[in-house]
Amino acid sequence: AHIMIGQTGNKRGDKDYFTLYLGNHIMGGGGFTSRLMKEVRDARGLSYSVYSYFSAMRENGPFLLSLQTKLSQTDEAIKVAREVVKKFQKEGASAEELVEAKKDVNGGFPLNVASNADIVEYLAMIGFYNLPLDYLNTFTQKIDKITQADILSAFQRRLTPEKMLTVIVGGEANTEKTQQTTSVKP
């Protein structure tokens, strides 16, 4: 089963953009170091791949969490993934997670602008989203300034785990429980 859980996210240029970006790196965007990966894959073996991201656009894009699991594990995988998001939204990042995420994001940033093609892509993004012209020069500084309190505040204001929608694709039939817990009422 392919599962996506999500809600409305943020837009480019949003005051919380960098905070949500860094916080999500810790929660679900940082690959094998993310909380989602550690809990859903490593601790429970419910999915080979699990991740989350904010897809910031001109207007509010989606926040999405995605994973794949055995059909028989769908309910448990959804429950665990939602618990990770809810806990992060309530408690935020640890001091150690914040330090490591900053190192990871800022350490990887030069690789994102290593070629002329990469730079052109960023310049196009800056122009399209009407971002500050110093975006590339100030990226790492903005990441460095983010605190645990900033992440907690942004995630508490911007994510509403209990209102997130869930979409499940795959398999011939879902369990009755899954159909009940993921139905959307008008």
C-alpha atoms as a PDB file:
ATOM      1  CA  ALA A   1       0.000   0.000   0.000  1.00  0.00           C
ATOM      2  CA  HIS A   2       1.189   3.496  -0.813  1.00  0.00           C
ATOM      3  CA  ILE A   3       0.167   5.973   1.874  1.00  0.00           C
ATOM      4  CA  MET A   4       0.196   9.764   1.827  1.00  0.00           C
ATOM      5  CA  ILE A   5      -0.790  11.857   4.815  1.00  0.00           C
ATOM      6  CA  GLY A   6      -0.979  15.611   4.466  1.00  0.00           C
ATOM      7  CA  GLN A   7      -2.441  19.035   4.836  1.00  0.00           C
ATOM      8  CA  THR A   8      -1.922  22.553   3.541  1.00  0.00           C
ATOM      9  CA  GLY A   9       1.645  23.691   4.108  1.00  0.00           C
ATOM     10  CA  ASN A  10       3.425  26.941   3.384  1.00  0.00           C
ATOM     11  CA  LYS A  11       4.565  29.096   0.484  1.00  0.00           C
ATOM     12  CA  ARG A  12       7.950  30.318  -0.694  1.00  0.00           C
ATOM     13  CA  GLY A  13       8.949  33.499   1.042  1.00  0.00           C
ATOM     14  CA  ASP A  14       6.841  32.581   4.087  1.00  0.00           C
ATOM     15  CA  LYS A  15       8.371  33.793   7.363  1.00  0.00           C
ATOM     16  CA  ASP A  16       8.408  30.185   8.614  1.00  0.00           C
ATOM     17  CA  TYR A  17       9.943  28.729   5.445  1.00  0.00           C
ATOM     18  CA  PHE A  18      13.451  28.085   6.788  1.00  0.00           C
ATOM     19  CA  THR A  19      12.182  26.986  10.198  1.00  0.00           C
ATOM     20  CA  LEU A  20       9.759  24.476   8.668  1.00  0.00           C
ATOM     21  CA  TYR A  21      12.462  23.295   6.270  1.00  0.00           C
ATOM     22  CA  LEU A  22      14.957  22.628   9.062  1.00  0.00           C
ATOM     23  CA  GLY A  23      12.362  21.200  11.445  1.00  0.00           C
ATOM     24  CA  ASN A  24      11.089  18.845   8.772  1.00  0.00           C
ATOM     25  CA  HIS A  25      14.647  17.729   8.087  1.00  0.00           C
ATOM     26  CA  ILE A  26      14.648  16.423  11.656  1.00  0.00           C
ATOM     27  CA  MET A  27      11.129  15.016  11.583  1.00  0.00           C
ATOM     28  CA  GLY A  28      11.022  13.373   8.172  1.00  0.00           C
ATOM     29  CA  GLY A  29      13.197  14.983   5.525  1.00  0.00           C
ATOM     30  CA  GLY A  30      16.661  13.991   6.684  1.00  0.00           C
ATOM     31  CA  GLY A  31      16.761  10.467   5.334  1.00  0.00           C
ATOM     32  CA  PHE A  32      18.075   7.830   7.713  1.00  0.00           C
ATOM     33  CA  THR A  33      18.530  10.354  10.532  1.00  0.00           C
ATOM     34  CA  SER A  34      14.905  11.516  10.589  1.00  0.00           C
ATOM     35  CA  ARG A  35      12.490  10.579  13.353  1.00  0.00           C
ATOM     36  CA  LEU A  36      10.050   9.046  10.889  1.00  0.00           C
ATOM     37  CA  MET A  37      12.754   6.792   9.454  1.00  0.00           C
ATOM     38  CA  LYS A  38      14.015   5.785  12.890  1.00  0.00           C
ATOM     39  CA  GLU A  39      10.553   4.948  14.222  1.00  0.00           C
ATOM     40  CA  VAL A  40       8.627   3.628  11.209  1.00  0.00           C
ATOM     41  CA  ARG A  41      11.463   1.775   9.469  1.00  0.00           C
ATOM     42  CA  ASP A  42      14.225   1.069  11.986  1.00  0.00           C
ATOM     43  CA  ALA A  43      12.264   0.426  15.191  1.00  0.00           C
ATOM     44  CA  ARG A  44       9.118  -1.131  13.697  1.00  0.00           C
ATOM     45  CA  GLY A  45      10.080  -2.426  10.258  1.00  0.00           C
ATOM     46  CA  LEU A  46       6.858  -1.058   8.782  1.00  0.00           C
ATOM     47  CA  SER A  47       8.300   0.556   5.668  1.00  0.00           C
ATOM     48  CA  TYR A  48      11.459   0.598   3.595  1.00  0.00           C
ATOM     49  CA  SER A  49      11.001   4.284   2.810  1.00  0.00           C
ATOM     50  CA  VAL A  50       9.231   6.992   4.791  1.00  0.00           C
ATOM     51  CA  TYR A  51       9.668  10.744   4.481  1.00  0.00           C
ATOM     52  CA  SER A  52       7.904  14.076   4.782  1.00  0.00           C
ATOM     53  CA  TYR A  53       8.307  17.448   3.119  1.00  0.00           C
ATOM     54  CA  PHE A  54       6.799  20.886   2.702  1.00  0.00           C
ATOM     55  CA  SER A  55       6.292  21.620  -0.996  1.00  0.00           C
ATOM     56  CA  ALA A  56       6.366  25.408  -0.846  1.00  0.00           C
ATOM     57  CA  MET A  57       4.886  27.155  -3.880  1.00  0.00           C
ATOM     58  CA  ARG A  58       3.710  30.660  -4.825  1.00  0.00           C
ATOM     59  CA  GLU A  59       0.738  30.042  -2.591  1.00  0.00           C
ATOM     60  CA  ASN A  60       0.493  27.489   0.179  1.00  0.00           C
ATOM     61  CA  GLY A  61       1.632  24.126  -1.121  1.00  0.00           C
ATOM     62  CA  PRO A  62       1.118  20.837   0.677  1.00  0.00           C
ATOM     63  CA  PHE A  63       2.855  19.259   3.630  1.00  0.00           C
ATOM     64  CA  LEU A  64       3.092  15.560   2.777  1.00  0.00           C
ATOM     65  CA  LEU A  65       4.232  12.419   4.532  1.00  0.00           C
ATOM     66  CA  SER A  66       4.717   9.391   2.307  1.00  0.00           C
ATOM     67  CA  LEU A  67       5.431   5.724   2.937  1.00  0.00           C
ATOM     68  CA  GLN A  68       4.883   2.301   1.451  1.00  0.00           C
ATOM     69  CA  THR A  69       4.026  -0.764   3.506  1.00  0.00           C
ATOM     70  CA  LYS A  70       2.465  -4.211   3.317  1.00  0.00           C
ATOM     71  CA  LEU A  71      -1.303  -4.002   3.077  1.00  0.00           C
ATOM     72  CA  SER A  72      -1.577  -5.956   6.334  1.00  0.00           C
ATOM     73  CA  GLN A  73       0.494  -3.271   8.118  1.00  0.00           C
ATOM     74  CA  THR A  74      -1.391  -0.251   6.778  1.00  0.00           C
ATOM     75  CA  ASP A  75      -3.237   0.618   9.988  1.00  0.00           C
ATOM     76  CA  GLU A  76      -0.154   0.284  12.185  1.00  0.00           C
ATOM     77  CA  ALA A  77       2.065   2.239   9.778  1.00  0.00           C
ATOM     78  CA  ILE A  78      -0.438   5.110   9.633  1.00  0.00           C
ATOM     79  CA  LYS A  79      -0.789   5.112  13.414  1.00  0.00           C
ATOM     80  CA  VAL A  80       2.968   5.197  14.029  1.00  0.00           C
ATOM     81  CA  ALA A  81       3.628   7.868  11.375  1.00  0.00           C
ATOM     82  CA  ARG A  82       0.878  10.084  12.769  1.00  0.00           C
ATOM     83  CA  GLU A  83       2.230   9.594  16.314  1.00  0.00           C
ATOM     84  CA  VAL A  84       5.691  10.747  15.203  1.00  0.00           C
ATOM     85  CA  VAL A  85       4.233  13.892  13.611  1.00  0.00           C
ATOM     86  CA  LYS A  86       2.019  14.592  16.615  1.00  0.00           C
ATOM     87  CA  LYS A  87       4.906  14.167  19.078  1.00  0.00           C
ATOM     88  CA  PHE A  88       7.184  16.419  17.016  1.00  0.00           C
ATOM     89  CA  GLN A  89       4.435  19.026  16.723  1.00  0.00           C
ATOM     90  CA  LYS A  90       3.975  18.998  20.512  1.00  0.00           C
ATOM     91  CA  GLU A  91       7.605  18.698  21.649  1.00  0.00           C
ATOM     92  CA  GLY A  92       9.785  19.962  18.808  1.00  0.00           C
ATOM     93  CA  ALA A  93      13.417  19.035  18.231  1.00  0.00           C
ATOM     94  CA  SER A  94      16.051  18.111  20.784  1.00  0.00           C
ATOM     95  CA  ALA A  95      19.191  20.243  21.094  1.00  0.00           C
ATOM     96  CA  GLU A  96      21.270  17.424  19.607  1.00  0.00           C
ATOM     97  CA  GLU A  97      18.883  16.954  16.672  1.00  0.00           C
ATOM     98  CA  LEU A  98      19.007  20.686  15.943  1.00  0.00           C
ATOM     99  CA  VAL A  99      22.817  20.802  15.930  1.00  0.00           C
ATOM    100  CA  GLU A 100      23.052  17.748  13.660  1.00  0.00           C
ATOM    101  CA  ALA A 101      20.361  19.027  11.276  1.00  0.00           C
ATOM    102  CA  LYS A 102      22.100  22.394  10.915  1.00  0.00           C
ATOM    103  CA  LYS A 103      25.387  20.631  10.125  1.00  0.00           C
ATOM    104  CA  ASP A 104      23.658  18.388   7.603  1.00  0.00           C
ATOM    105  CA  VAL A 105      21.643  21.104   5.833  1.00  0.00           C
ATOM    106  CA  ASN A 106      24.403  23.720   5.800  1.00  0.00           C
ATOM    107  CA  GLY A 107      27.086  21.156   4.989  1.00  0.00           C
ATOM    108  CA  GLY A 108      25.112  19.920   1.999  1.00  0.00           C
ATOM    109  CA  PHE A 109      24.154  23.360   0.713  1.00  0.00           C
ATOM    110  CA  PRO A 110      27.368  23.975  -1.281  1.00  0.00           C
ATOM    111  CA  LEU A 111      26.663  20.773  -3.212  1.00  0.00           C
ATOM    112  CA  ASN A 112      23.266  22.219  -4.186  1.00  0.00           C
ATOM    113  CA  VAL A 113      24.994  25.108  -5.961  1.00  0.00           C
ATOM    114  CA  ALA A 114      28.083  23.266  -7.212  1.00  0.00           C
ATOM    115  CA  SER A 115      27.447  23.637 -10.937  1.00  0.00           C
ATOM    116  CA  ASN A 116      26.381  26.433 -13.232  1.00  0.00           C
ATOM    117  CA  ALA A 117      23.157  24.515 -13.924  1.00  0.00           C
ATOM    118  CA  ASP A 118      22.424  24.373 -10.169  1.00  0.00           C
ATOM    119  CA  ILE A 119      23.000  28.103  -9.831  1.00  0.00           C
ATOM    120  CA  VAL A 120      20.734  28.835 -12.812  1.00  0.00           C
ATOM    121  CA  GLU A 121      17.987  26.706 -11.200  1.00  0.00           C
ATOM    122  CA  TYR A 122      18.269  28.695  -7.974  1.00  0.00           C
ATOM    123  CA  LEU A 123      18.267  32.001  -9.866  1.00  0.00           C
ATOM    124  CA  ALA A 124      15.117  30.921 -11.716  1.00  0.00           C
ATOM    125  CA  MET A 125      13.517  29.985  -8.379  1.00  0.00           C
ATOM    126  CA  ILE A 126      14.518  33.343  -6.873  1.00  0.00           C
ATOM    127  CA  GLY A 127      12.957  35.165  -9.820  1.00  0.00           C
ATOM    128  CA  PHE A 128       9.825  33.021 -10.036  1.00  0.00           C
ATOM    129  CA  TYR A 129       9.018  33.267  -6.325  1.00  0.00           C
ATOM    130  CA  ASN A 130      10.230  36.873  -6.021  1.00  0.00           C
ATOM    131  CA  LEU A 131      12.690  35.922  -3.281  1.00  0.00           C
ATOM    132  CA  PRO A 132      15.423  38.246  -2.002  1.00  0.00           C
ATOM    133  CA  LEU A 133      18.405  38.497  -4.342  1.00  0.00           C
ATOM    134  CA  ASP A 134      20.722  37.519  -1.473  1.00  0.00           C
ATOM    135  CA  TYR A 135      18.881  34.187  -0.994  1.00  0.00           C
ATOM    136  CA  LEU A 136      21.933  32.066  -1.814  1.00  0.00           C
ATOM    137  CA  ASN A 137      24.272  34.216   0.285  1.00  0.00           C
ATOM    138  CA  THR A 138      22.051  34.162   3.374  1.00  0.00           C
ATOM    139  CA  PHE A 139      20.680  30.593   3.254  1.00  0.00           C
ATOM    140  CA  THR A 140      23.120  29.092   5.770  1.00  0.00           C
ATOM    141  CA  GLN A 141      22.904  32.145   8.040  1.00  0.00           C
ATOM    142  CA  LYS A 142      19.129  31.787   8.221  1.00  0.00           C
ATOM    143  CA  ILE A 143      19.462  28.092   9.065  1.00  0.00           C
ATOM    144  CA  ASP A 144      22.060  28.860  11.767  1.00  0.00           C
ATOM    145  CA  LYS A 145      19.736  31.353  13.507  1.00  0.00           C
ATOM    146  CA  ILE A 146      16.899  28.846  14.016  1.00  0.00           C
ATOM    147  CA  THR A 147      16.312  27.739  17.610  1.00  0.00           C
ATOM    148  CA  GLN A 148      14.449  24.843  19.194  1.00  0.00           C
ATOM    149  CA  ALA A 149      11.768  27.327  20.269  1.00  0.00           C
ATOM    150  CA  ASP A 150      11.417  28.567  16.670  1.00  0.00           C
ATOM    151  CA  ILE A 151      10.817  25.031  15.397  1.00  0.00           C
ATOM    152  CA  LEU A 152       8.335  24.206  18.142  1.00  0.00           C
ATOM    153  CA  SER A 153       6.396  27.425  17.551  1.00  0.00           C
ATOM    154  CA  ALA A 154       6.283  27.022  13.762  1.00  0.00           C
ATOM    155  CA  PHE A 155       5.176  23.382  13.906  1.00  0.00           C
ATOM    156  CA  GLN A 156       2.523  24.122  16.519  1.00  0.00           C
ATOM    157  CA  ARG A 157       1.129  26.960  14.428  1.00  0.00           C
ATOM    158  CA  ARG A 158       1.419  25.301  11.021  1.00  0.00           C
ATOM    159  CA  LEU A 159       0.653  21.594  11.478  1.00  0.00           C
ATOM    160  CA  THR A 160      -2.617  20.122  12.669  1.00  0.00           C
ATOM    161  CA  PRO A 161      -2.017  16.355  12.837  1.00  0.00           C
ATOM    162  CA  GLU A 162      -5.586  15.475  13.798  1.00  0.00           C
ATOM    163  CA  LYS A 163      -6.918  17.203  10.664  1.00  0.00           C
ATOM    164  CA  MET A 164      -4.467  15.696   8.179  1.00  0.00           C
ATOM    165  CA  LEU A 165      -5.966  13.704   5.336  1.00  0.00           C
ATOM    166  CA  THR A 166      -4.807  10.189   4.508  1.00  0.00           C
ATOM    167  CA  VAL A 167      -4.836   8.596   1.059  1.00  0.00           C
ATOM    168  CA  ILE A 168      -4.110   4.883   0.620  1.00  0.00           C
ATOM    169  CA  VAL A 169      -3.493   3.343  -2.803  1.00  0.00           C
ATOM    170  CA  GLY A 170      -2.899  -0.340  -3.461  1.00  0.00           C
ATOM    171  CA  GLY A 171      -4.141  -3.767  -2.594  1.00  0.00           C
ATOM    172  CA  GLU A 172      -7.471  -5.339  -3.363  1.00  0.00           C
ATOM    173  CA  ALA A 173      -9.133  -4.365  -0.112  1.00  0.00           C
ATOM    174  CA  ASN A 174      -8.372  -2.304   2.945  1.00  0.00           C
ATOM    175  CA  THR A 175      -9.340  -3.341   6.417  1.00  0.00           C
ATOM    176  CA  GLU A 176     -12.636  -2.082   7.783  1.00  0.00           C
ATOM    177  CA  LYS A 177     -10.737  -0.140  10.459  1.00  0.00           C
ATOM    178  CA  THR A 178      -8.613   1.674   7.849  1.00  0.00           C
ATOM    179  CA  GLN A 179     -11.690   2.582   5.830  1.00  0.00           C
ATOM    180  CA  GLN A 180     -13.341   4.016   8.937  1.00  0.00           C
ATOM    181  CA  THR A 181     -10.349   5.971  10.260  1.00  0.00           C
ATOM    182  CA  THR A 182      -9.471   7.574   6.946  1.00  0.00           C
ATOM    183  CA  SER A 183     -12.884   8.462   5.595  1.00  0.00           C
ATOM    184  CA  VAL A 184     -13.425  12.134   4.908  1.00  0.00           C
ATOM    185  CA  LYS A 185     -16.694  13.699   5.943  1.00  0.00           C
ATOM    186  CA  PRO A 186     -17.958  16.854   4.205  1.00  0.00           C
END
